[in-house]
């Protein structure tokens, strides 16, 4: 006989999604889209990209490949970023995932391109990447996985048991092996 464990996944509010996205910029996310050169019904491409935010847009730097071609065709795209802190037992893992949907297009404004070229968005993989692509965010959603820590009534932590100051689950202190990180992806300051 197996016992079902309570769900450890809760939805993030839009504000929490934006905050996680802001803190993770300059990191690596994943961009999914359908290659416009492939026949209808083809599997989506899924590529790692480094990114920054510019208002309601995810900005990526790329060469002349698939992402640039998709942006020229203004195809729909999905961007995902996540963070997971793994502990010695899966029951104490904690993390989040944010997904944004929108339309890809090229950044052509000269002033924005100059700002980005001054080091605001350097390609992680190096190489010549002269193109800037934006995903204009149309929707944003996210989820959080909580460590398994039940309250006195046996319920999993969730929005009703969050500490309003930190948005971390209120526990009995048994999850001490997971230090809180204020900024999981420290902002990389411009070197230029």
N, C-alpha and C. Protein backbone atom coordinates (compact mmCIF):
# COMPACT_ATOMS: atom_id res chain seq x y z
N UNK A 1 0.85 -1.18 0.00
CA UNK A 1 0.00 0.00 0.00
C UNK A 1 0.89 1.24 0.00
N UNK A 2 0.68 2.11 -0.94
CA UNK A 2 1.51 3.31 -1.02
C UNK A 2 0.74 4.50 -0.48
N UNK A 3 1.47 5.44 0.07
CA UNK A 3 0.82 6.66 0.55
C UNK A 3 1.17 7.79 -0.42
N UNK A 4 0.20 8.59 -0.72
CA UNK A 4 0.42 9.72 -1.60
C UNK A 4 1.00 10.87 -0.81
N UNK A 5 2.07 11.47 -1.35
CA UNK A 5 2.63 12.64 -0.67
C UNK A 5 1.90 13.88 -1.15
N UNK A 6 1.79 14.88 -0.31
CA UNK A 6 1.11 16.11 -0.73
C UNK A 6 1.92 16.81 -1.81
N UNK A 7 1.22 17.58 -2.63
CA UNK A 7 1.90 18.32 -3.70
C UNK A 7 2.86 19.33 -3.09
N UNK A 8 4.05 19.40 -3.66
CA UNK A 8 5.05 20.35 -3.21
C UNK A 8 5.20 21.47 -4.22
N UNK A 9 4.29 21.54 -5.19
CA UNK A 9 4.37 22.54 -6.24
C UNK A 9 3.23 23.54 -6.09
N UNK A 10 3.58 24.82 -6.13
CA UNK A 10 2.57 25.88 -6.09
C UNK A 10 2.85 26.85 -7.22
N UNK A 11 1.82 27.56 -7.64
CA UNK A 11 1.95 28.56 -8.69
C UNK A 11 2.59 29.82 -8.11
N UNK A 12 3.45 30.45 -8.88
CA UNK A 12 4.03 31.74 -8.49
C UNK A 12 3.09 32.85 -8.97
N UNK A 13 3.05 33.93 -8.23
CA UNK A 13 2.28 35.09 -8.67
C UNK A 13 3.05 35.76 -9.81
N UNK A 14 2.39 36.56 -10.63
CA UNK A 14 3.12 37.29 -11.67
C UNK A 14 4.27 38.12 -11.10
N UNK A 15 4.06 38.75 -9.96
CA UNK A 15 5.13 39.55 -9.33
C UNK A 15 6.33 38.67 -8.99
N UNK A 16 6.09 37.47 -8.44
CA UNK A 16 7.19 36.56 -8.10
C UNK A 16 7.89 36.08 -9.37
N UNK A 17 7.13 35.84 -10.44
CA UNK A 17 7.74 35.43 -11.71
C UNK A 17 8.69 36.51 -12.22
N UNK A 18 8.22 37.77 -12.24
CA UNK A 18 9.06 38.87 -12.72
C UNK A 18 10.31 39.02 -11.86
N UNK A 19 10.17 38.87 -10.55
CA UNK A 19 11.32 39.01 -9.65
C UNK A 19 12.34 37.91 -9.92
N UNK A 20 11.89 36.67 -10.09
CA UNK A 20 12.83 35.58 -10.40
C UNK A 20 13.51 35.82 -11.74
N UNK A 21 12.77 36.28 -12.72
CA UNK A 21 13.34 36.58 -14.03
C UNK A 21 14.39 37.68 -13.94
N UNK A 22 14.09 38.74 -13.18
CA UNK A 22 15.05 39.84 -13.00
C UNK A 22 16.32 39.36 -12.31
N UNK A 23 16.17 38.56 -11.25
CA UNK A 23 17.35 38.09 -10.52
C UNK A 23 18.21 37.14 -11.33
N UNK A 24 17.60 36.43 -12.26
CA UNK A 24 18.33 35.43 -13.04
C UNK A 24 18.95 35.99 -14.32
N UNK A 25 18.65 37.26 -14.69
CA UNK A 25 19.20 37.78 -15.94
C UNK A 25 20.72 37.75 -15.90
N UNK A 26 21.32 37.62 -17.04
CA UNK A 26 22.74 37.38 -17.28
C UNK A 26 23.07 35.91 -17.10
N UNK A 27 22.07 35.12 -16.76
CA UNK A 27 22.24 33.67 -16.66
C UNK A 27 21.90 33.01 -17.98
N UNK A 28 21.68 31.71 -17.91
CA UNK A 28 21.35 30.93 -19.10
C UNK A 28 19.91 30.43 -18.97
N UNK A 29 19.13 30.69 -20.00
CA UNK A 29 17.77 30.17 -20.08
C UNK A 29 17.64 29.32 -21.33
N UNK A 30 16.44 28.87 -21.62
CA UNK A 30 16.19 28.07 -22.80
C UNK A 30 15.10 28.71 -23.65
N UNK A 31 15.36 28.78 -24.94
CA UNK A 31 14.42 29.36 -25.89
C UNK A 31 13.90 28.26 -26.80
N UNK A 32 12.58 28.14 -26.88
CA UNK A 32 11.94 27.16 -27.76
C UNK A 32 11.15 27.89 -28.83
N UNK A 33 11.22 27.38 -30.06
CA UNK A 33 10.49 27.96 -31.18
C UNK A 33 10.49 26.94 -32.31
N UNK A 34 9.61 27.14 -33.26
CA UNK A 34 9.59 26.30 -34.46
C UNK A 34 10.44 26.98 -35.53
N UNK A 35 11.41 26.25 -36.06
CA UNK A 35 12.27 26.77 -37.12
C UNK A 35 11.40 27.07 -38.34
N UNK A 36 11.35 28.32 -38.79
CA UNK A 36 10.48 28.67 -39.92
C UNK A 36 10.89 28.00 -41.23
N UNK A 37 12.11 27.48 -41.33
CA UNK A 37 12.56 26.82 -42.55
C UNK A 37 12.11 25.36 -42.62
N UNK A 38 11.61 24.83 -41.51
CA UNK A 38 11.19 23.42 -41.48
C UNK A 38 9.71 23.30 -41.83
N UNK A 39 9.30 22.12 -42.27
CA UNK A 39 7.89 21.95 -42.64
C UNK A 39 6.97 22.03 -41.42
N UNK A 40 5.70 22.40 -41.65
CA UNK A 40 4.73 22.43 -40.54
C UNK A 40 4.69 21.08 -39.83
N UNK A 41 4.52 21.13 -38.53
CA UNK A 41 4.48 19.91 -37.73
C UNK A 41 5.85 19.46 -37.24
N UNK A 42 6.90 20.19 -37.59
CA UNK A 42 8.25 19.82 -37.14
C UNK A 42 8.38 20.04 -35.64
N UNK A 43 9.28 19.31 -35.04
CA UNK A 43 9.55 19.46 -33.61
C UNK A 43 10.16 20.83 -33.35
N UNK A 44 9.88 21.42 -32.19
CA UNK A 44 10.47 22.72 -31.87
C UNK A 44 11.97 22.62 -31.60
N UNK A 45 12.65 23.70 -31.87
CA UNK A 45 14.05 23.84 -31.48
C UNK A 45 14.07 24.26 -30.02
N UNK A 46 15.07 23.85 -29.27
CA UNK A 46 15.23 24.25 -27.87
C UNK A 46 16.71 24.54 -27.67
N UNK A 47 17.03 25.82 -27.47
CA UNK A 47 18.42 26.24 -27.42
C UNK A 47 18.73 27.03 -26.15
N UNK A 48 19.92 26.80 -25.56
CA UNK A 48 20.31 27.62 -24.42
C UNK A 48 20.72 29.01 -24.89
N UNK A 49 20.33 30.03 -24.12
CA UNK A 49 20.67 31.41 -24.46
C UNK A 49 20.97 32.19 -23.19
N UNK A 50 21.92 33.14 -23.28
CA UNK A 50 22.06 34.08 -22.18
C UNK A 50 21.15 35.26 -22.48
N UNK A 51 20.73 35.98 -21.44
CA UNK A 51 19.68 36.98 -21.65
C UNK A 51 19.76 38.09 -20.62
N UNK A 52 19.09 39.18 -20.96
CA UNK A 52 18.79 40.25 -20.02
C UNK A 52 17.34 40.66 -20.27
N UNK A 53 16.81 41.44 -19.36
CA UNK A 53 15.48 42.01 -19.53
C UNK A 53 15.60 43.46 -19.97
N UNK A 54 14.69 43.87 -20.82
CA UNK A 54 14.57 45.27 -21.21
C UNK A 54 13.08 45.59 -21.16
N UNK A 55 12.62 46.04 -20.00
CA UNK A 55 11.18 46.24 -19.82
C UNK A 55 10.47 44.91 -19.95
N UNK A 56 9.41 44.85 -20.77
CA UNK A 56 8.67 43.59 -20.92
C UNK A 56 9.22 42.70 -22.03
N UNK A 57 10.55 42.70 -22.20
CA UNK A 57 11.17 41.91 -23.25
C UNK A 57 12.35 41.12 -22.69
N UNK A 58 12.52 39.91 -23.21
CA UNK A 58 13.73 39.13 -22.97
C UNK A 58 14.63 39.39 -24.17
N UNK A 59 15.85 39.86 -23.92
CA UNK A 59 16.80 40.17 -24.99
C UNK A 59 17.91 39.13 -25.00
N UNK A 60 18.21 38.60 -26.19
CA UNK A 60 19.26 37.60 -26.36
C UNK A 60 20.21 38.06 -27.46
N UNK A 61 21.45 37.62 -27.39
CA UNK A 61 22.45 37.96 -28.42
C UNK A 61 22.77 36.68 -29.18
N UNK A 62 22.83 36.78 -30.50
CA UNK A 62 23.00 35.58 -31.31
C UNK A 62 23.81 35.85 -32.57
N UNK A 63 24.25 34.79 -33.19
CA UNK A 63 24.93 34.89 -34.48
C UNK A 63 23.89 34.92 -35.59
N UNK A 64 24.21 34.35 -36.71
CA UNK A 64 23.29 34.37 -37.85
C UNK A 64 22.51 33.08 -38.02
N UNK A 65 22.37 32.28 -36.96
CA UNK A 65 21.76 30.96 -37.07
C UNK A 65 20.25 30.91 -36.90
N UNK A 66 19.79 29.84 -36.27
CA UNK A 66 18.37 29.55 -36.14
C UNK A 66 17.58 30.63 -35.41
N UNK A 67 18.12 31.14 -34.31
CA UNK A 67 17.39 32.13 -33.53
C UNK A 67 17.19 33.41 -34.35
N UNK A 68 18.23 33.82 -35.04
CA UNK A 68 18.13 35.02 -35.87
C UNK A 68 17.11 34.81 -36.99
N UNK A 69 17.10 33.64 -37.61
CA UNK A 69 16.13 33.34 -38.67
C UNK A 69 14.71 33.35 -38.10
N UNK A 70 14.53 32.80 -36.91
CA UNK A 70 13.21 32.79 -36.29
C UNK A 70 12.75 34.22 -36.00
N UNK A 71 13.67 35.07 -35.54
CA UNK A 71 13.33 36.46 -35.24
C UNK A 71 12.97 37.21 -36.52
N UNK A 72 13.67 36.95 -37.60
CA UNK A 72 13.35 37.59 -38.89
C UNK A 72 11.94 37.24 -39.34
N UNK A 73 11.51 36.00 -39.03
CA UNK A 73 10.17 35.54 -39.40
C UNK A 73 9.12 35.87 -38.35
N UNK A 74 9.57 36.45 -37.22
CA UNK A 74 8.68 36.84 -36.12
C UNK A 74 7.78 35.69 -35.66
N UNK A 75 8.42 34.54 -35.42
CA UNK A 75 7.67 33.37 -34.96
C UNK A 75 7.40 33.47 -33.46
N UNK A 76 6.44 32.70 -32.99
CA UNK A 76 6.15 32.61 -31.56
C UNK A 76 7.31 31.89 -30.88
N UNK A 77 7.60 32.30 -29.64
CA UNK A 77 8.66 31.66 -28.89
C UNK A 77 8.28 31.50 -27.44
N UNK A 78 8.95 30.58 -26.78
CA UNK A 78 8.78 30.34 -25.35
C UNK A 78 10.15 30.34 -24.71
N UNK A 79 10.29 31.07 -23.62
CA UNK A 79 11.56 31.16 -22.90
C UNK A 79 11.33 30.60 -21.50
N UNK A 80 12.31 29.81 -21.02
CA UNK A 80 12.19 29.22 -19.67
C UNK A 80 13.50 29.41 -18.94
N UNK A 81 13.37 29.74 -17.66
CA UNK A 81 14.53 29.86 -16.76
C UNK A 81 14.13 29.19 -15.47
N UNK A 82 15.10 28.57 -14.80
CA UNK A 82 14.76 27.91 -13.54
C UNK A 82 15.95 27.89 -12.60
N UNK A 83 15.68 27.51 -11.40
CA UNK A 83 16.70 27.38 -10.37
C UNK A 83 16.29 26.22 -9.47
N UNK A 84 17.23 25.36 -9.13
CA UNK A 84 16.95 24.24 -8.24
C UNK A 84 18.10 24.08 -7.28
N UNK A 85 17.79 24.06 -6.00
CA UNK A 85 18.79 23.76 -4.98
C UNK A 85 18.52 22.33 -4.53
N UNK A 86 19.47 21.46 -4.80
CA UNK A 86 19.32 20.04 -4.49
C UNK A 86 19.94 19.77 -3.14
N UNK A 87 19.20 19.03 -2.31
CA UNK A 87 19.71 18.65 -0.99
C UNK A 87 20.04 17.17 -0.99
N UNK A 88 20.46 16.67 0.13
CA UNK A 88 20.83 15.26 0.23
C UNK A 88 19.62 14.34 0.09
N UNK A 89 18.43 14.85 0.32
CA UNK A 89 17.22 14.06 0.11
C UNK A 89 16.28 14.87 -0.77
N UNK A 90 15.66 14.20 -1.73
CA UNK A 90 14.77 14.89 -2.67
C UNK A 90 13.65 15.62 -1.96
N UNK A 91 13.24 15.15 -0.80
CA UNK A 91 12.15 15.79 -0.06
C UNK A 91 12.49 17.21 0.37
N UNK A 92 13.78 17.56 0.38
CA UNK A 92 14.18 18.90 0.81
C UNK A 92 14.64 19.77 -0.35
N UNK A 93 14.53 19.29 -1.59
CA UNK A 93 14.86 20.12 -2.75
C UNK A 93 13.92 21.31 -2.81
N UNK A 94 14.42 22.43 -3.29
CA UNK A 94 13.59 23.63 -3.45
C UNK A 94 13.99 24.31 -4.75
N UNK A 95 13.03 24.86 -5.46
CA UNK A 95 13.37 25.52 -6.71
C UNK A 95 12.17 26.22 -7.31
N UNK A 96 12.39 26.82 -8.47
CA UNK A 96 11.34 27.53 -9.19
C UNK A 96 11.61 27.45 -10.68
N UNK A 97 10.57 27.71 -11.45
CA UNK A 97 10.65 27.76 -12.90
C UNK A 97 9.72 28.87 -13.38
N UNK A 98 10.20 29.68 -14.33
CA UNK A 98 9.39 30.73 -14.93
C UNK A 98 9.37 30.51 -16.44
N UNK A 99 8.19 30.60 -17.03
CA UNK A 99 8.00 30.42 -18.46
C UNK A 99 7.33 31.66 -19.02
N UNK A 100 7.88 32.20 -20.10
CA UNK A 100 7.25 33.34 -20.78
C UNK A 100 6.98 32.97 -22.24
N UNK A 101 5.87 33.45 -22.74
CA UNK A 101 5.48 33.24 -24.13
C UNK A 101 5.42 34.59 -24.82
N UNK A 102 5.76 34.61 -26.08
CA UNK A 102 5.69 35.85 -26.83
C UNK A 102 6.08 35.64 -28.27
N UNK A 103 6.45 36.72 -28.92
CA UNK A 103 6.83 36.70 -30.33
C UNK A 103 8.27 37.19 -30.44
N UNK A 104 9.06 36.47 -31.24
CA UNK A 104 10.46 36.84 -31.48
C UNK A 104 10.55 37.88 -32.59
N UNK A 105 11.45 38.84 -32.41
CA UNK A 105 11.80 39.74 -33.50
C UNK A 105 13.18 40.32 -33.24
N UNK A 106 13.74 40.96 -34.24
CA UNK A 106 15.10 41.49 -34.14
C UNK A 106 15.09 42.87 -33.50
N UNK A 107 16.14 43.17 -32.73
CA UNK A 107 16.33 44.52 -32.19
C UNK A 107 17.01 45.32 -33.28
N UNK A 108 16.33 46.35 -33.77
CA UNK A 108 16.90 47.14 -34.87
C UNK A 108 17.16 48.59 -34.47
N UNK A 109 16.61 49.04 -33.35
CA UNK A 109 16.81 50.41 -32.89
C UNK A 109 18.29 50.64 -32.59
N UNK A 110 18.91 51.62 -33.24
CA UNK A 110 20.35 51.86 -33.13
C UNK A 110 20.79 52.18 -31.70
N UNK A 111 20.02 52.98 -30.97
CA UNK A 111 20.42 53.34 -29.60
C UNK A 111 20.37 52.13 -28.68
N UNK A 112 19.35 51.29 -28.82
CA UNK A 112 19.25 50.09 -27.98
C UNK A 112 20.39 49.13 -28.32
N UNK A 113 20.66 48.96 -29.60
CA UNK A 113 21.76 48.07 -30.01
C UNK A 113 23.09 48.56 -29.46
N UNK A 114 23.34 49.87 -29.51
CA UNK A 114 24.60 50.42 -28.99
C UNK A 114 24.72 50.16 -27.50
N UNK A 115 23.65 50.36 -26.77
CA UNK A 115 23.63 50.09 -25.33
C UNK A 115 23.98 48.62 -25.06
N UNK A 116 23.37 47.72 -25.83
CA UNK A 116 23.62 46.29 -25.65
C UNK A 116 25.05 45.91 -26.04
N UNK A 117 25.58 46.56 -27.07
CA UNK A 117 26.94 46.27 -27.53
C UNK A 117 28.00 46.73 -26.54
N UNK A 118 27.68 47.66 -25.67
CA UNK A 118 28.67 48.16 -24.70
C UNK A 118 28.87 47.21 -23.52
N UNK A 119 28.52 45.96 -23.70
CA UNK A 119 28.81 44.98 -22.68
C UNK A 119 27.64 44.59 -21.81
N UNK A 120 26.49 45.19 -22.04
CA UNK A 120 25.32 44.85 -21.22
C UNK A 120 24.92 43.40 -21.41
N UNK A 121 25.17 42.86 -22.60
CA UNK A 121 24.82 41.47 -22.89
C UNK A 121 25.94 40.84 -23.71
N UNK A 122 26.88 40.23 -23.01
CA UNK A 122 28.00 39.56 -23.68
C UNK A 122 27.64 38.09 -23.87
N UNK A 123 27.96 37.51 -25.03
CA UNK A 123 27.63 36.10 -25.26
C UNK A 123 28.47 35.18 -24.38
N UNK A 124 27.82 34.26 -23.68
CA UNK A 124 28.54 33.32 -22.80
C UNK A 124 29.47 32.42 -23.59
N UNK A 125 29.06 32.01 -24.78
CA UNK A 125 29.86 31.08 -25.58
C UNK A 125 30.95 31.79 -26.39
N UNK A 126 31.00 33.11 -26.29
CA UNK A 126 31.99 33.87 -27.06
C UNK A 126 31.67 33.86 -28.54
N UNK A 127 32.61 34.24 -29.33
CA UNK A 127 32.40 34.26 -30.78
C UNK A 127 31.72 35.53 -31.24
N UNK A 128 31.57 35.64 -32.56
CA UNK A 128 30.98 36.82 -33.17
C UNK A 128 29.46 36.66 -33.16
N UNK A 129 28.78 37.46 -32.37
CA UNK A 129 27.32 37.39 -32.23
C UNK A 129 26.77 38.82 -32.36
N UNK A 130 26.63 39.30 -33.59
CA UNK A 130 26.27 40.69 -33.81
C UNK A 130 24.77 40.99 -33.73
N UNK A 131 23.94 39.97 -33.59
CA UNK A 131 22.49 40.16 -33.64
C UNK A 131 21.87 40.13 -32.26
N UNK A 132 20.91 41.02 -32.05
CA UNK A 132 20.14 41.04 -30.81
C UNK A 132 18.70 40.70 -31.16
N UNK A 133 18.16 39.76 -30.41
CA UNK A 133 16.80 39.28 -30.63
C UNK A 133 16.00 39.51 -29.36
N UNK A 134 14.75 39.89 -29.54
CA UNK A 134 13.89 40.10 -28.37
C UNK A 134 12.70 39.14 -28.44
N UNK A 135 12.26 38.74 -27.27
CA UNK A 135 11.00 38.02 -27.13
C UNK A 135 10.09 38.97 -26.39
N UNK A 136 9.09 39.50 -27.09
CA UNK A 136 8.14 40.42 -26.48
C UNK A 136 7.18 39.60 -25.62
N UNK A 137 7.25 39.78 -24.32
CA UNK A 137 6.50 38.94 -23.39
C UNK A 137 5.01 39.25 -23.46
N UNK A 138 4.25 38.21 -23.78
CA UNK A 138 2.79 38.32 -23.82
C UNK A 138 2.16 37.66 -22.61
N UNK A 139 2.81 36.63 -22.06
CA UNK A 139 2.31 35.99 -20.84
C UNK A 139 3.48 35.44 -20.04
N UNK A 140 3.29 35.36 -18.74
CA UNK A 140 4.32 34.87 -17.83
C UNK A 140 3.66 34.02 -16.76
N UNK A 141 4.29 32.91 -16.43
CA UNK A 141 3.78 32.04 -15.37
C UNK A 141 4.96 31.34 -14.72
N UNK A 142 4.73 30.80 -13.57
CA UNK A 142 5.80 30.11 -12.88
C UNK A 142 5.29 29.18 -11.80
N UNK A 143 6.19 28.33 -11.37
CA UNK A 143 5.87 27.36 -10.32
C UNK A 143 7.04 27.28 -9.36
N UNK A 144 6.72 26.88 -8.15
CA UNK A 144 7.75 26.71 -7.13
C UNK A 144 7.60 25.33 -6.53
N UNK A 145 8.75 24.67 -6.30
CA UNK A 145 8.73 23.41 -5.58
C UNK A 145 9.27 23.68 -4.18
N UNK A 146 8.50 23.23 -3.21
CA UNK A 146 8.81 23.47 -1.80
C UNK A 146 9.48 22.25 -1.19
N UNK A 147 10.28 22.45 -0.16
CA UNK A 147 10.78 21.29 0.57
C UNK A 147 9.60 20.63 1.28
N UNK A 148 9.67 19.33 1.47
CA UNK A 148 8.60 18.63 2.15
C UNK A 148 8.71 18.89 3.65
N UNK A 149 7.89 19.79 4.12
CA UNK A 149 7.83 20.12 5.54
C UNK A 149 6.37 20.39 5.84
N UNK A 150 5.76 19.57 6.63
CA UNK A 150 4.34 19.69 6.89
C UNK A 150 4.08 20.55 8.11
N UNK A 151 2.97 21.26 8.07
CA UNK A 151 2.59 22.05 9.24
C UNK A 151 1.92 21.15 10.27
N UNK A 152 1.50 21.72 11.38
CA UNK A 152 0.91 20.95 12.47
C UNK A 152 -0.33 20.17 12.02
N UNK A 153 -1.04 20.67 11.03
CA UNK A 153 -2.23 19.98 10.53
C UNK A 153 -1.89 18.95 9.46
N UNK A 154 -0.59 18.82 9.10
CA UNK A 154 -0.19 17.86 8.09
C UNK A 154 -0.28 18.38 6.67
N UNK A 155 -0.46 19.70 6.50
CA UNK A 155 -0.57 20.29 5.17
C UNK A 155 0.79 20.74 4.68
N UNK A 156 1.05 20.66 3.36
CA UNK A 156 2.32 21.14 2.82
C UNK A 156 2.37 22.66 2.87
N UNK A 157 3.55 23.24 2.86
CA UNK A 157 3.62 24.69 2.81
C UNK A 157 3.06 25.19 1.50
N UNK A 158 2.52 26.37 1.51
CA UNK A 158 1.95 26.95 0.32
C UNK A 158 1.73 28.42 0.55
N UNK A 159 1.02 29.08 -0.32
CA UNK A 159 0.84 30.52 -0.18
C UNK A 159 0.30 30.94 1.17
N UNK A 160 -0.55 30.12 1.79
CA UNK A 160 -1.13 30.48 3.08
C UNK A 160 -0.11 30.38 4.21
N UNK A 161 0.97 29.60 4.01
CA UNK A 161 1.96 29.44 5.07
C UNK A 161 3.29 30.09 4.74
N UNK A 162 3.33 30.92 3.69
CA UNK A 162 4.55 31.65 3.34
C UNK A 162 4.84 32.72 4.36
N UNK A 163 6.13 32.97 4.57
CA UNK A 163 6.56 34.13 5.32
C UNK A 163 6.41 35.32 4.38
N UNK A 164 5.53 36.29 4.66
CA UNK A 164 5.29 37.38 3.71
C UNK A 164 6.53 38.23 3.42
N UNK A 165 7.50 38.23 4.31
CA UNK A 165 8.69 39.05 4.09
C UNK A 165 9.66 38.40 3.12
N UNK A 166 9.72 37.06 3.12
CA UNK A 166 10.72 36.38 2.30
C UNK A 166 10.12 35.49 1.22
N UNK A 167 8.82 35.21 1.29
CA UNK A 167 8.14 34.29 0.38
C UNK A 167 8.73 32.89 0.46
N UNK A 168 9.43 32.58 1.56
CA UNK A 168 9.95 31.25 1.81
C UNK A 168 8.93 30.50 2.67
N UNK A 169 8.90 29.18 2.57
CA UNK A 169 7.95 28.44 3.40
C UNK A 169 8.29 28.57 4.87
N UNK A 170 7.25 28.64 5.68
CA UNK A 170 7.43 28.64 7.12
C UNK A 170 7.53 27.18 7.54
N UNK A 171 8.65 26.79 8.11
CA UNK A 171 8.83 25.40 8.51
C UNK A 171 9.19 25.36 9.98
N UNK A 172 9.36 24.15 10.47
CA UNK A 172 9.73 23.99 11.87
C UNK A 172 11.24 24.08 12.07
N UNK A 173 11.97 24.47 11.04
CA UNK A 173 13.43 24.61 11.14
C UNK A 173 14.16 23.35 10.72
N UNK A 174 13.44 22.32 10.27
CA UNK A 174 14.09 21.07 9.92
C UNK A 174 14.83 21.15 8.58
N UNK A 175 14.66 22.20 7.83
CA UNK A 175 15.31 22.33 6.53
C UNK A 175 16.47 23.30 6.67
N UNK A 176 17.43 22.93 7.47
CA UNK A 176 18.55 23.82 7.73
C UNK A 176 19.68 23.63 6.73
N UNK A 177 19.62 22.56 5.91
CA UNK A 177 20.69 22.34 4.96
C UNK A 177 20.51 23.14 3.67
N UNK A 178 19.48 23.99 3.61
CA UNK A 178 19.23 24.80 2.42
C UNK A 178 19.38 26.27 2.74
N UNK A 179 20.60 26.82 2.64
CA UNK A 179 20.76 28.23 2.96
C UNK A 179 20.00 29.09 1.97
N UNK A 180 19.43 30.17 2.45
CA UNK A 180 18.70 31.11 1.59
C UNK A 180 19.70 31.96 0.84
N UNK A 181 19.50 32.06 -0.45
CA UNK A 181 20.35 32.88 -1.30
C UNK A 181 19.52 34.06 -1.75
N UNK A 182 19.92 35.26 -1.39
CA UNK A 182 19.17 36.45 -1.78
C UNK A 182 19.17 36.64 -3.29
N UNK A 183 20.30 36.39 -3.93
CA UNK A 183 20.42 36.59 -5.36
C UNK A 183 21.03 35.33 -5.96
N UNK A 184 20.20 34.37 -6.46
CA UNK A 184 20.75 33.11 -6.95
C UNK A 184 21.68 33.26 -8.14
N UNK A 185 21.55 34.32 -8.91
CA UNK A 185 22.41 34.57 -10.06
C UNK A 185 22.94 35.99 -9.91
N UNK A 186 24.05 36.20 -9.18
CA UNK A 186 24.53 37.56 -8.94
C UNK A 186 24.67 38.35 -10.25
N UNK A 187 24.27 39.60 -10.18
CA UNK A 187 24.35 40.49 -11.33
C UNK A 187 25.81 40.67 -11.73
N UNK A 188 26.12 40.40 -12.98
CA UNK A 188 27.48 40.59 -13.47
C UNK A 188 27.62 42.04 -13.91
N UNK A 189 28.45 42.77 -13.22
CA UNK A 189 28.62 44.19 -13.53
C UNK A 189 29.41 44.35 -14.82
N UNK A 190 29.09 45.40 -15.52
CA UNK A 190 29.79 45.71 -16.76
C UNK A 190 31.27 45.91 -16.47
N UNK A 191 32.13 45.33 -17.29
CA UNK A 191 33.57 45.52 -17.11
C UNK A 191 34.10 46.62 -17.98
N UNK A 192 33.28 47.10 -18.91
CA UNK A 192 33.74 48.16 -19.81
C UNK A 192 33.38 49.52 -19.26
